[in-house]
Amino acid sequence: QAPGKEREFVAHISYISLPSTTPNYADSVEGRCTISRDNAKNMVYLQM
């Protein structure tokens, strides 16, 4: 959320692995961001 703007989606990662649940990205960050998770550490990351 930028000042004066609405909150916008950036990326999503599921907890199940299916063809329909691969990580997703907003068009504005596609190719520049990577979302990942480490369940053993209860962590989700966003590399930008």
All heavy atoms as atom14 arrays in JSON, in Angstrom:
{
  "sequence": "QAPGKEREFVAHISYISLPSTTPNYADSVEGRCTISRDNAKNMVYLQM",
  "atom14_mask": [
    [1, 1, 1, 1, 1, 1, 1, 1, 1, 0, 0, 0, 0, 0],
    [1, 1, 1, 1, 1, 0, 0, 0, 0, 0, 0, 0, 0, 0],
    [1, 1, 1, 1, 1, 1, 1, 0, 0, 0, 0, 0, 0, 0],
    [1, 1, 1, 1, 0, 0, 0, 0, 0, 0, 0, 0, 0, 0],
    [1, 1, 1, 1, 1, 1, 1, 1, 1, 0, 0, 0, 0, 0],
    [1, 1, 1, 1, 1, 1, 1, 1, 1, 0, 0, 0, 0, 0],
    [1, 1, 1, 1, 1, 1, 1, 1, 1, 1, 1, 0, 0, 0],
    [1, 1, 1, 1, 1, 1, 1, 1, 1, 0, 0, 0, 0, 0],
    [1, 1, 1, 1, 1, 1, 1, 1, 1, 1, 1, 0, 0, 0],
    [1, 1, 1, 1, 1, 1, 1, 0, 0, 0, 0, 0, 0, 0],
    [1, 1, 1, 1, 1, 0, 0, 0, 0, 0, 0, 0, 0, 0],
    [1, 1, 1, 1, 1, 1, 1, 1, 1, 1, 0, 0, 0, 0],
    [1, 1, 1, 1, 1, 1, 1, 1, 0, 0, 0, 0, 0, 0],
    [1, 1, 1, 1, 1, 1, 0, 0, 0, 0, 0, 0, 0, 0],
    [1, 1, 1, 1, 1, 1, 1, 1, 1, 1, 1, 1, 0, 0],
    [1, 1, 1, 1, 1, 1, 1, 1, 0, 0, 0, 0, 0, 0],
    [1, 1, 1, 1, 1, 1, 0, 0, 0, 0, 0, 0, 0, 0],
    [1, 1, 1, 1, 1, 1, 1, 1, 0, 0, 0, 0, 0, 0],
    [1, 1, 1, 1, 1, 1, 1, 0, 0, 0, 0, 0, 0, 0],
    [1, 1, 1, 1, 1, 1, 0, 0, 0, 0, 0, 0, 0, 0],
    [1, 1, 1, 1, 1, 1, 1, 0, 0, 0, 0, 0, 0, 0],
    [1, 1, 1, 1, 1, 1, 1, 0, 0, 0, 0, 0, 0, 0],
    [1, 1, 1, 1, 1, 1, 1, 0, 0, 0, 0, 0, 0, 0],
    [1, 1, 1, 1, 1, 1, 1, 1, 0, 0, 0, 0, 0, 0],
    [1, 1, 1, 1, 1, 1, 1, 1, 1, 1, 1, 1, 0, 0],
    [1, 1, 1, 1, 1, 0, 0, 0, 0, 0, 0, 0, 0, 0],
    [1, 1, 1, 1, 1, 1, 1, 1, 0, 0, 0, 0, 0, 0],
    [1, 1, 1, 1, 1, 1, 0, 0, 0, 0, 0, 0, 0, 0],
    [1, 1, 1, 1, 1, 1, 1, 0, 0, 0, 0, 0, 0, 0],
    [1, 1, 1, 1, 1, 1, 1, 1, 1, 0, 0, 0, 0, 0],
    [1, 1, 1, 1, 0, 0, 0, 0, 0, 0, 0, 0, 0, 0],
    [1, 1, 1, 1, 1, 1, 1, 1, 1, 1, 1, 0, 0, 0],
    [1, 1, 1, 1, 1, 1, 0, 0, 0, 0, 0, 0, 0, 0],
    [1, 1, 1, 1, 1, 1, 1, 0, 0, 0, 0, 0, 0, 0],
    [1, 1, 1, 1, 1, 1, 1, 1, 0, 0, 0, 0, 0, 0],
    [1, 1, 1, 1, 1, 1, 0, 0, 0, 0, 0, 0, 0, 0],
    [1, 1, 1, 1, 1, 1, 1, 1, 1, 1, 1, 0, 0, 0],
    [1, 1, 1, 1, 1, 1, 1, 1, 0, 0, 0, 0, 0, 0],
    [1, 1, 1, 1, 1, 1, 1, 1, 0, 0, 0, 0, 0, 0],
    [1, 1, 1, 1, 1, 0, 0, 0, 0, 0, 0, 0, 0, 0],
    [1, 1, 1, 1, 1, 1, 1, 1, 1, 0, 0, 0, 0, 0],
    [1, 1, 1, 1, 1, 1, 1, 1, 0, 0, 0, 0, 0, 0],
    [1, 1, 1, 1, 1, 1, 1, 1, 0, 0, 0, 0, 0, 0],
    [1, 1, 1, 1, 1, 1, 1, 0, 0, 0, 0, 0, 0, 0],
    [1, 1, 1, 1, 1, 1, 1, 1, 1, 1, 1, 1, 0, 0],
    [1, 1, 1, 1, 1, 1, 1, 1, 0, 0, 0, 0, 0, 0],
    [1, 1, 1, 1, 1, 1, 1, 1, 1, 0, 0, 0, 0, 0],
    [1, 1, 1, 1, 1, 1, 1, 1, 0, 0, 0, 0, 0, 0]
  ],
  "atom14_positions": [
    [[0.84, -1.19, 0.0], [0.0, 0.0, 0.0], [0.88, 1.24, 0.0], [1.66, 1.45, 0.94], [-0.94, 0.01, 1.2], [-1.98, 1.12, 1.14], [-3.1, 0.91, 2.14], [-2.97, 0.15, 3.11], [-4.22, 1.56, 1.91], [0.0, 0.0, 0.0], [0.0, 0.0, 0.0], [0.0, 0.0, 0.0], [0.0, 0.0, 0.0], [0.0, 0.0, 0.0]],
    [[0.75, 2.0, -1.06], [1.47, 3.26, -1.17], [0.59, 4.39, -0.63], [-0.64, 4.25, -0.58], [1.82, 3.53, -2.63], [0.0, 0.0, 0.0], [0.0, 0.0, 0.0], [0.0, 0.0, 0.0], [0.0, 0.0, 0.0], [0.0, 0.0, 0.0], [0.0, 0.0, 0.0], [0.0, 0.0, 0.0], [0.0, 0.0, 0.0], [0.0, 0.0, 0.0]],
    [[1.19, 5.5, -0.21], [0.39, 6.62, 0.33], [-0.69, 7.06, -0.64], [-0.42, 7.29, -1.83], [1.43, 7.71, 0.55], [2.71, 6.97, 0.75], [2.62, 5.77, -0.15], [0.0, 0.0, 0.0], [0.0, 0.0, 0.0], [0.0, 0.0, 0.0], [0.0, 0.0, 0.0], [0.0, 0.0, 0.0], [0.0, 0.0, 0.0], [0.0, 0.0, 0.0]],
    [[-1.91, 7.16, -0.14], [-3.02, 7.63, -0.95], [-3.59, 6.61, -1.91], [-4.49, 6.94, -2.7], [0.0, 0.0, 0.0], [0.0, 0.0, 0.0], [0.0, 0.0, 0.0], [0.0, 0.0, 0.0], [0.0, 0.0, 0.0], [0.0, 0.0, 0.0], [0.0, 0.0, 0.0], [0.0, 0.0, 0.0], [0.0, 0.0, 0.0], [0.0, 0.0, 0.0]],
    [[-3.09, 5.39, -1.85], [-3.57, 4.35, -2.76], [-4.16, 3.18, -1.99], [-3.9, 3.01, -0.8], [-2.43, 3.87, -3.66], [-1.89, 4.93, -4.6], [-0.9, 4.34, -5.57], [-0.42, 5.37, -6.57], [0.56, 4.79, -7.55], [0.0, 0.0, 0.0], [0.0, 0.0, 0.0], [0.0, 0.0, 0.0], [0.0, 0.0, 0.0], [0.0, 0.0, 0.0]],
    [[-4.94, 2.38, -2.69], [-5.51, 1.2, -2.07], [-4.46, 0.1, -1.93], [-3.47, 0.07, -2.66], [-6.69, 0.69, -2.9], [-7.88, 1.63, -2.94], [-9.08, 1.02, -3.64], [-8.92, -0.05, -4.27], [-10.16, 1.61, -3.59], [0.0, 0.0, 0.0], [0.0, 0.0, 0.0], [0.0, 0.0, 0.0], [0.0, 0.0, 0.0], [0.0, 0.0, 0.0]],
    [[-4.73, -0.8, -1.0], [-3.85, -1.94, -0.83], [-3.97, -2.83, -2.06], [-5.06, -3.14, -2.52], [-4.24, -2.71, 0.42], [-3.23, -3.73, 0.88], [-3.52, -4.19, 2.29], [-3.37, -3.1, 3.25], [-3.4, -3.28, 4.57], [-3.56, -4.49, 5.08], [-3.29, -2.25, 5.38], [0.0, 0.0, 0.0], [0.0, 0.0, 0.0], [0.0, 0.0, 0.0]],
    [[-2.83, -3.25, -2.62], [-2.85, -4.05, -3.83], [-2.09, -5.35, -3.66], [-1.09, -5.43, -2.93], [-2.29, -3.25, -5.01], [-0.83, -2.9, -4.93], [-0.3, -2.3, -6.22], [-1.03, -2.23, -7.22], [0.89, -1.91, -6.21], [0.0, 0.0, 0.0], [0.0, 0.0, 0.0], [0.0, 0.0, 0.0], [0.0, 0.0, 0.0], [0.0, 0.0, 0.0]],
    [[-2.54, -6.33, -4.39], [-1.94, -7.66, -4.38], [-0.57, -7.63, -5.03], [-0.37, -6.94, -6.04], [-2.87, -8.62, -5.12], [-2.27, -9.96, -5.42], [-2.18, -10.93, -4.43], [-1.8, -10.26, -6.68], [-1.63, -12.18, -4.71], [-1.25, -11.48, -6.97], [-1.17, -12.44, -5.98], [0.0, 0.0, 0.0], [0.0, 0.0, 0.0], [0.0, 0.0, 0.0]],
    [[0.35, -8.4, -4.46], [1.69, -8.53, -5.03], [1.99, -9.98, -5.44], [2.37, -10.24, -6.57], [2.77, -8.03, -4.04], [4.17, -8.25, -4.61], [2.55, -6.56, -3.69], [0.0, 0.0, 0.0], [0.0, 0.0, 0.0], [0.0, 0.0, 0.0], [0.0, 0.0, 0.0], [0.0, 0.0, 0.0], [0.0, 0.0, 0.0], [0.0, 0.0, 0.0]],
    [[1.81, -10.91, -4.49], [2.15, -12.3, -4.77], [1.4, -13.22, -3.82], [0.96, -12.8, -2.74], [3.65, -12.52, -4.63], [0.0, 0.0, 0.0], [0.0, 0.0, 0.0], [0.0, 0.0, 0.0], [0.0, 0.0, 0.0], [0.0, 0.0, 0.0], [0.0, 0.0, 0.0], [0.0, 0.0, 0.0], [0.0, 0.0, 0.0], [0.0, 0.0, 0.0]],
    [[1.29, -14.48, -4.23], [0.54, -15.47, -3.43], [1.24, -16.82, -3.52], [1.71, -17.21, -4.61], [-0.87, -15.57, -3.96], [-1.71, -16.65, -3.33], [-1.72, -17.96, -3.77], [-2.58, -16.6, -2.28], [-2.56, -18.67, -3.03], [-3.1, -17.87, -2.13], [0.0, 0.0, 0.0], [0.0, 0.0, 0.0], [0.0, 0.0, 0.0], [0.0, 0.0, 0.0]],
    [[1.29, -17.52, -2.39], [1.82, -18.88, -2.4], [0.88, -19.76, -1.58], [0.49, -19.41, -0.46], [3.26, -18.92, -1.86], [3.87, -20.31, -2.08], [3.35, -18.49, -0.4], [5.39, -20.33, -1.93], [0.0, 0.0, 0.0], [0.0, 0.0, 0.0], [0.0, 0.0, 0.0], [0.0, 0.0, 0.0], [0.0, 0.0, 0.0], [0.0, 0.0, 0.0]],
    [[0.54, -20.89, -2.14], [-0.37, -21.8, -1.48], [0.4, -22.73, -0.54], [1.62, -22.65, -0.42], [-1.11, -22.61, -2.53], [-2.05, -23.49, -1.94], [0.0, 0.0, 0.0], [0.0, 0.0, 0.0], [0.0, 0.0, 0.0], [0.0, 0.0, 0.0], [0.0, 0.0, 0.0], [0.0, 0.0, 0.0], [0.0, 0.0, 0.0], [0.0, 0.0, 0.0]],
    [[-0.36, -23.59, 0.13], [0.28, -24.59, 0.99], [0.11, -25.99, 0.44], [0.56, -26.95, 1.04], [-0.27, -24.52, 2.42], [-1.77, -24.73, 2.54], [-2.31, -25.99, 2.68], [-2.62, -23.63, 2.53], [-3.67, -26.18, 2.8], [-3.98, -23.79, 2.65], [-4.51, -25.06, 2.79], [-5.87, -25.24, 2.91], [0.0, 0.0, 0.0], [0.0, 0.0, 0.0]],
    [[-0.58, -26.11, -0.72], [-0.68, -27.39, -1.39], [-0.14, -27.23, -2.8], [-0.19, -26.14, -3.38], [-2.13, -27.91, -1.43], [-3.06, -26.93, -2.14], [-2.63, -28.2, -0.02], [-4.46, -27.46, -2.32], [0.0, 0.0, 0.0], [0.0, 0.0, 0.0], [0.0, 0.0, 0.0], [0.0, 0.0, 0.0], [0.0, 0.0, 0.0], [0.0, 0.0, 0.0]],
    [[0.38, -28.32, -3.32], [1.02, -28.29, -4.62], [0.13, -28.93, -5.66], [0.03, -30.16, -5.72], [2.37, -29.0, -4.56], [3.03, -28.95, -5.81], [0.0, 0.0, 0.0], [0.0, 0.0, 0.0], [0.0, 0.0, 0.0], [0.0, 0.0, 0.0], [0.0, 0.0, 0.0], [0.0, 0.0, 0.0], [0.0, 0.0, 0.0], [0.0, 0.0, 0.0]],
    [[-0.52, -28.08, -6.44], [-1.37, -28.52, -7.54], [-1.08, -27.62, -8.74], [-0.57, -26.51, -8.56], [-2.86, -28.38, -7.18], [-3.4, -29.26, -6.06], [-4.83, -28.85, -5.73], [-3.35, -30.73, -6.45], [0.0, 0.0, 0.0], [0.0, 0.0, 0.0], [0.0, 0.0, 0.0], [0.0, 0.0, 0.0], [0.0, 0.0, 0.0], [0.0, 0.0, 0.0]],
    [[-1.45, -28.07, -9.94], [-1.26, -27.17, -11.1], [-1.98, -25.84, -10.94], [-1.54, -24.82, -11.47], [-1.83, -28.0, -12.26], [-1.65, -29.41, -11.84], [-1.88, -29.41, -10.34], [0.0, 0.0, 0.0], [0.0, 0.0, 0.0], [0.0, 0.0, 0.0], [0.0, 0.0, 0.0], [0.0, 0.0, 0.0], [0.0, 0.0, 0.0], [0.0, 0.0, 0.0]],
    [[-3.07, -25.86, -10.19], [-3.86, -24.64, -10.02], [-3.4, -23.79, -8.84], [-3.99, -22.74, -8.57], [-5.34, -25.0, -9.81], [-5.5, -25.82, -8.67], [0.0, 0.0, 0.0], [0.0, 0.0, 0.0], [0.0, 0.0, 0.0], [0.0, 0.0, 0.0], [0.0, 0.0, 0.0], [0.0, 0.0, 0.0], [0.0, 0.0, 0.0], [0.0, 0.0, 0.0]],
    [[-2.37, -24.22, -8.13], [-1.94, -23.48, -6.94], [-0.47, -23.08, -7.01], [0.18, -22.91, -5.99], [-2.18, -24.3, -5.66], [-1.42, -25.51, -5.73], [-3.65, -24.61, -5.46], [0.0, 0.0, 0.0], [0.0, 0.0, 0.0], [0.0, 0.0, 0.0], [0.0, 0.0, 0.0], [0.0, 0.0, 0.0], [0.0, 0.0, 0.0], [0.0, 0.0, 0.0]],
    [[0.06, -22.94, -8.2], [1.44, -22.45, -8.32], [1.49, -20.99, -7.87], [0.48, -20.29, -7.9], [1.93, -22.57, -9.76], [1.02, -21.86, -10.61], [2.0, -24.03, -10.19], [0.0, 0.0, 0.0], [0.0, 0.0, 0.0], [0.0, 0.0, 0.0], [0.0, 0.0, 0.0], [0.0, 0.0, 0.0], [0.0, 0.0, 0.0], [0.0, 0.0, 0.0]],
    [[2.65, -20.51, -7.45], [2.76, -19.11, -7.02], [2.29, -18.14, -8.11], [2.47, -18.38, -9.29], [4.26, -18.94, -6.74], [4.7, -20.3, -6.34], [3.9, -21.24, -7.2], [0.0, 0.0, 0.0], [0.0, 0.0, 0.0], [0.0, 0.0, 0.0], [0.0, 0.0, 0.0], [0.0, 0.0, 0.0], [0.0, 0.0, 0.0], [0.0, 0.0, 0.0]],
    [[1.66, -17.07, -7.65], [1.12, -16.08, -8.57], [1.64, -14.7, -8.23], [1.9, -14.39, -7.06], [-0.41, -16.07, -8.51], [-1.02, -17.36, -9.0], [-1.25, -18.26, -8.23], [-1.25, -17.46, -10.29], [0.0, 0.0, 0.0], [0.0, 0.0, 0.0], [0.0, 0.0, 0.0], [0.0, 0.0, 0.0], [0.0, 0.0, 0.0], [0.0, 0.0, 0.0]],
    [[1.7, -13.86, -9.25], [2.25, -12.53, -9.08], [1.39, -11.5, -9.81], [0.79, -11.8, -10.84], [3.67, -12.46, -9.65], [4.61, -13.46, -9.02], [4.79, -14.73, -9.57], [5.3, -13.15, -7.86], [5.61, -15.66, -8.98], [6.15, -14.08, -7.26], [6.3, -15.33, -7.83], [7.13, -16.25, -7.24], [0.0, 0.0, 0.0], [0.0, 0.0, 0.0]],
    [[1.38, -10.3, -9.26], [0.76, -9.19, -9.98], [1.57, -8.89, -11.23], [2.8, -9.09, -11.26], [0.71, -7.96, -9.08], [0.0, 0.0, 0.0], [0.0, 0.0, 0.0], [0.0, 0.0, 0.0], [0.0, 0.0, 0.0], [0.0, 0.0, 0.0], [0.0, 0.0, 0.0], [0.0, 0.0, 0.0], [0.0, 0.0, 0.0], [0.0, 0.0, 0.0]],
    [[0.91, -8.41, -12.25], [1.6, -8.08, -13.5], [2.73, -7.08, -13.26], [3.77, -7.14, -13.93], [0.61, -7.5, -14.51], [-0.36, -8.54, -15.03], [-0.09, -9.76, -14.86], [-1.39, -8.15, -15.61], [0.0, 0.0, 0.0], [0.0, 0.0, 0.0], [0.0, 0.0, 0.0], [0.0, 0.0, 0.0], [0.0, 0.0, 0.0], [0.0, 0.0, 0.0]],
    [[2.53, -6.19, -12.3], [3.5, -5.13, -12.05], [4.82, -5.64, -11.49], [5.83, -4.94, -11.55], [2.91, -4.09, -11.1], [2.52, -4.71, -9.88], [0.0, 0.0, 0.0], [0.0, 0.0, 0.0], [0.0, 0.0, 0.0], [0.0, 0.0, 0.0], [0.0, 0.0, 0.0], [0.0, 0.0, 0.0], [0.0, 0.0, 0.0], [0.0, 0.0, 0.0]],
    [[4.82, -6.85, -10.93], [6.05, -7.4, -10.33], [6.48, -8.7, -10.99], [7.53, -9.25, -10.65], [5.9, -7.62, -8.81], [5.52, -6.33, -8.12], [4.9, -8.72, -8.52], [0.0, 0.0, 0.0], [0.0, 0.0, 0.0], [0.0, 0.0, 0.0], [0.0, 0.0, 0.0], [0.0, 0.0, 0.0], [0.0, 0.0, 0.0], [0.0, 0.0, 0.0]],
    [[5.69, -9.22, -11.91], [6.01, -10.48, -12.58], [7.4, -10.4, -13.21], [7.74, -9.44, -13.91], [4.96, -10.75, -13.68], [5.17, -12.05, -14.44], [4.72, -13.27, -13.66], [3.57, -13.3, -13.2], [5.53, -14.21, -13.52], [0.0, 0.0, 0.0], [0.0, 0.0, 0.0], [0.0, 0.0, 0.0], [0.0, 0.0, 0.0], [0.0, 0.0, 0.0]],
    [[8.2, -11.42, -12.94], [9.56, -11.45, -13.47], [10.59, -10.75, -12.6], [11.79, -10.91, -12.81], [0.0, 0.0, 0.0], [0.0, 0.0, 0.0], [0.0, 0.0, 0.0], [0.0, 0.0, 0.0], [0.0, 0.0, 0.0], [0.0, 0.0, 0.0], [0.0, 0.0, 0.0], [0.0, 0.0, 0.0], [0.0, 0.0, 0.0], [0.0, 0.0, 0.0]],
    [[10.12, -9.98, -11.62], [11.04, -9.26, -10.73], [10.96, -9.77, -9.3], [11.86, -9.49, -8.5], [10.74, -7.76, -10.75], [10.87, -7.11, -12.1], [10.78, -5.59, -12.01], [9.47, -5.14, -11.56], [9.28, -4.4, -10.46], [10.32, -4.07, -9.7], [8.06, -4.01, -10.12], [0.0, 0.0, 0.0], [0.0, 0.0, 0.0], [0.0, 0.0, 0.0]],
    [[9.9, -10.5, -8.98], [9.7, -10.97, -7.61], [9.55, -12.49, -7.59], [9.04, -13.08, -8.55], [8.44, -10.35, -7.0], [8.6, -8.61, -6.6], [0.0, 0.0, 0.0], [0.0, 0.0, 0.0], [0.0, 0.0, 0.0], [0.0, 0.0, 0.0], [0.0, 0.0, 0.0], [0.0, 0.0, 0.0], [0.0, 0.0, 0.0], [0.0, 0.0, 0.0]],
    [[9.98, -13.06, -6.48], [9.82, -14.5, -6.25], [9.33, -14.71, -4.84], [9.95, -14.24, -3.89], [11.13, -15.25, -6.46], [11.62, -15.02, -7.78], [10.92, -16.75, -6.26], [0.0, 0.0, 0.0], [0.0, 0.0, 0.0], [0.0, 0.0, 0.0], [0.0, 0.0, 0.0], [0.0, 0.0, 0.0], [0.0, 0.0, 0.0], [0.0, 0.0, 0.0]],
    [[8.22, -15.43, -4.71], [7.69, -15.76, -3.39], [8.05, -17.21, -3.09], [8.01, -18.07, -3.97], [6.17, -15.53, -3.33], [5.65, -15.66, -1.9], [5.43, -16.44, -4.29], [4.2, -15.23, -1.73], [0.0, 0.0, 0.0], [0.0, 0.0, 0.0], [0.0, 0.0, 0.0], [0.0, 0.0, 0.0], [0.0, 0.0, 0.0], [0.0, 0.0, 0.0]],
    [[8.41, -17.47, -1.85], [8.76, -18.83, -1.45], [8.41, -19.0, 0.02], [8.13, -18.03, 0.73], [10.26, -19.1, -1.68], [11.05, -18.2, -0.93], [0.0, 0.0, 0.0], [0.0, 0.0, 0.0], [0.0, 0.0, 0.0], [0.0, 0.0, 0.0], [0.0, 0.0, 0.0], [0.0, 0.0, 0.0], [0.0, 0.0, 0.0], [0.0, 0.0, 0.0]],
    [[8.42, -20.25, 0.47], [8.11, -20.5, 1.88], [8.96, -21.63, 2.42], [9.39, -22.52, 1.66], [6.62, -20.8, 2.05], [6.12, -22.08, 1.45], [4.59, -22.16, 1.51], [4.1, -22.1, 2.89], [2.85, -21.77, 3.24], [1.98, -21.46, 2.29], [2.49, -21.76, 4.49], [0.0, 0.0, 0.0], [0.0, 0.0, 0.0], [0.0, 0.0, 0.0]],
    [[9.16, -21.58, 3.73], [9.86, -22.63, 4.46], [8.97, -22.98, 5.64], [8.99, -22.29, 6.67], [11.23, -22.14, 4.91], [12.05, -23.21, 5.61], [11.45, -24.21, 6.06], [13.28, -23.05, 5.71], [0.0, 0.0, 0.0], [0.0, 0.0, 0.0], [0.0, 0.0, 0.0], [0.0, 0.0, 0.0], [0.0, 0.0, 0.0], [0.0, 0.0, 0.0]],
    [[8.17, -24.03, 5.51], [7.21, -24.36, 6.56], [7.89, -24.8, 7.85], [7.33, -24.62, 8.93], [6.26, -25.45, 6.07], [5.27, -24.93, 5.03], [4.92, -23.76, 5.02], [4.85, -25.81, 4.14], [0.0, 0.0, 0.0], [0.0, 0.0, 0.0], [0.0, 0.0, 0.0], [0.0, 0.0, 0.0], [0.0, 0.0, 0.0], [0.0, 0.0, 0.0]],
    [[9.07, -25.37, 7.75], [9.79, -25.8, 8.95], [10.14, -24.6, 9.83], [10.27, -24.74, 11.05], [11.04, -26.57, 8.57], [0.0, 0.0, 0.0], [0.0, 0.0, 0.0], [0.0, 0.0, 0.0], [0.0, 0.0, 0.0], [0.0, 0.0, 0.0], [0.0, 0.0, 0.0], [0.0, 0.0, 0.0], [0.0, 0.0, 0.0], [0.0, 0.0, 0.0]],
    [[10.29, -23.45, 9.2], [10.63, -22.22, 9.93], [9.45, -21.28, 10.07], [9.61, -20.17, 10.59], [11.79, -21.5, 9.24], [13.08, -22.29, 9.19], [14.18, -21.5, 8.49], [15.48, -22.29, 8.46], [16.56, -21.55, 7.76], [0.0, 0.0, 0.0], [0.0, 0.0, 0.0], [0.0, 0.0, 0.0], [0.0, 0.0, 0.0], [0.0, 0.0, 0.0]],
    [[8.28, -21.68, 9.55], [7.09, -20.82, 9.56], [7.37, -19.49, 8.85], [6.93, -18.43, 9.3], [6.61, -20.54, 11.0], [5.96, -21.74, 11.63], [5.74, -22.77, 10.98], [5.65, -21.65, 12.9], [0.0, 0.0, 0.0], [0.0, 0.0, 0.0], [0.0, 0.0, 0.0], [0.0, 0.0, 0.0], [0.0, 0.0, 0.0], [0.0, 0.0, 0.0]],
    [[8.06, -19.56, 7.74], [8.49, -18.36, 7.05], [7.98, -18.34, 5.61], [7.88, -19.37, 4.95], [10.01, -18.28, 7.0], [10.7, -18.17, 8.33], [10.49, -16.56, 9.11], [11.45, -15.55, 8.0], [0.0, 0.0, 0.0], [0.0, 0.0, 0.0], [0.0, 0.0, 0.0], [0.0, 0.0, 0.0], [0.0, 0.0, 0.0], [0.0, 0.0, 0.0]],
    [[7.66, -17.14, 5.15], [7.4, -16.87, 3.74], [8.29, -15.7, 3.35], [8.43, -14.73, 4.11], [5.93, -16.56, 3.47], [5.74, -16.06, 2.04], [5.07, -17.79, 3.71], [0.0, 0.0, 0.0], [0.0, 0.0, 0.0], [0.0, 0.0, 0.0], [0.0, 0.0, 0.0], [0.0, 0.0, 0.0], [0.0, 0.0, 0.0], [0.0, 0.0, 0.0]],
    [[8.86, -15.79, 2.16], [9.8, -14.77, 1.7], [9.28, -14.13, 0.39], [8.59, -14.76, -0.4], [11.17, -15.39, 1.43], [11.72, -16.18, 2.59], [11.57, -17.56, 2.66], [12.39, -15.53, 3.62], [12.07, -18.28, 3.72], [12.9, -16.25, 4.69], [12.74, -17.63, 4.74], [13.22, -18.34, 5.8], [0.0, 0.0, 0.0], [0.0, 0.0, 0.0]],
    [[9.7, -12.89, 0.19], [9.44, -12.22, -1.07], [10.75, -11.58, -1.51], [11.19, -10.59, -0.93], [8.35, -11.16, -0.95], [7.96, -10.48, -2.27], [7.25, -11.47, -3.18], [7.08, -9.25, -2.01], [0.0, 0.0, 0.0], [0.0, 0.0, 0.0], [0.0, 0.0, 0.0], [0.0, 0.0, 0.0], [0.0, 0.0, 0.0], [0.0, 0.0, 0.0]],
    [[11.36, -12.18, -2.51], [12.59, -11.63, -3.09], [12.2, -10.64, -4.18], [11.49, -11.01, -5.12], [13.46, -12.74, -3.65], [14.71, -12.26, -4.36], [15.7, -11.62, -3.42], [15.91, -12.08, -2.3], [16.33, -10.53, -3.87], [0.0, 0.0, 0.0], [0.0, 0.0, 0.0], [0.0, 0.0, 0.0], [0.0, 0.0, 0.0], [0.0, 0.0, 0.0]],
    [[12.67, -9.42, -4.06], [12.32, -8.39, -5.03], [13.59, -7.87, -5.68], [14.51, -7.42, -4.99], [11.57, -7.24, -4.35], [10.31, -7.67, -3.62], [9.32, -6.29, -3.08], [10.43, -5.53, -1.92], [0.0, 0.0, 0.0], [0.0, 0.0, 0.0], [0.0, 0.0, 0.0], [0.0, 0.0, 0.0], [0.0, 0.0, 0.0], [0.0, 0.0, 0.0]]
  ]
}
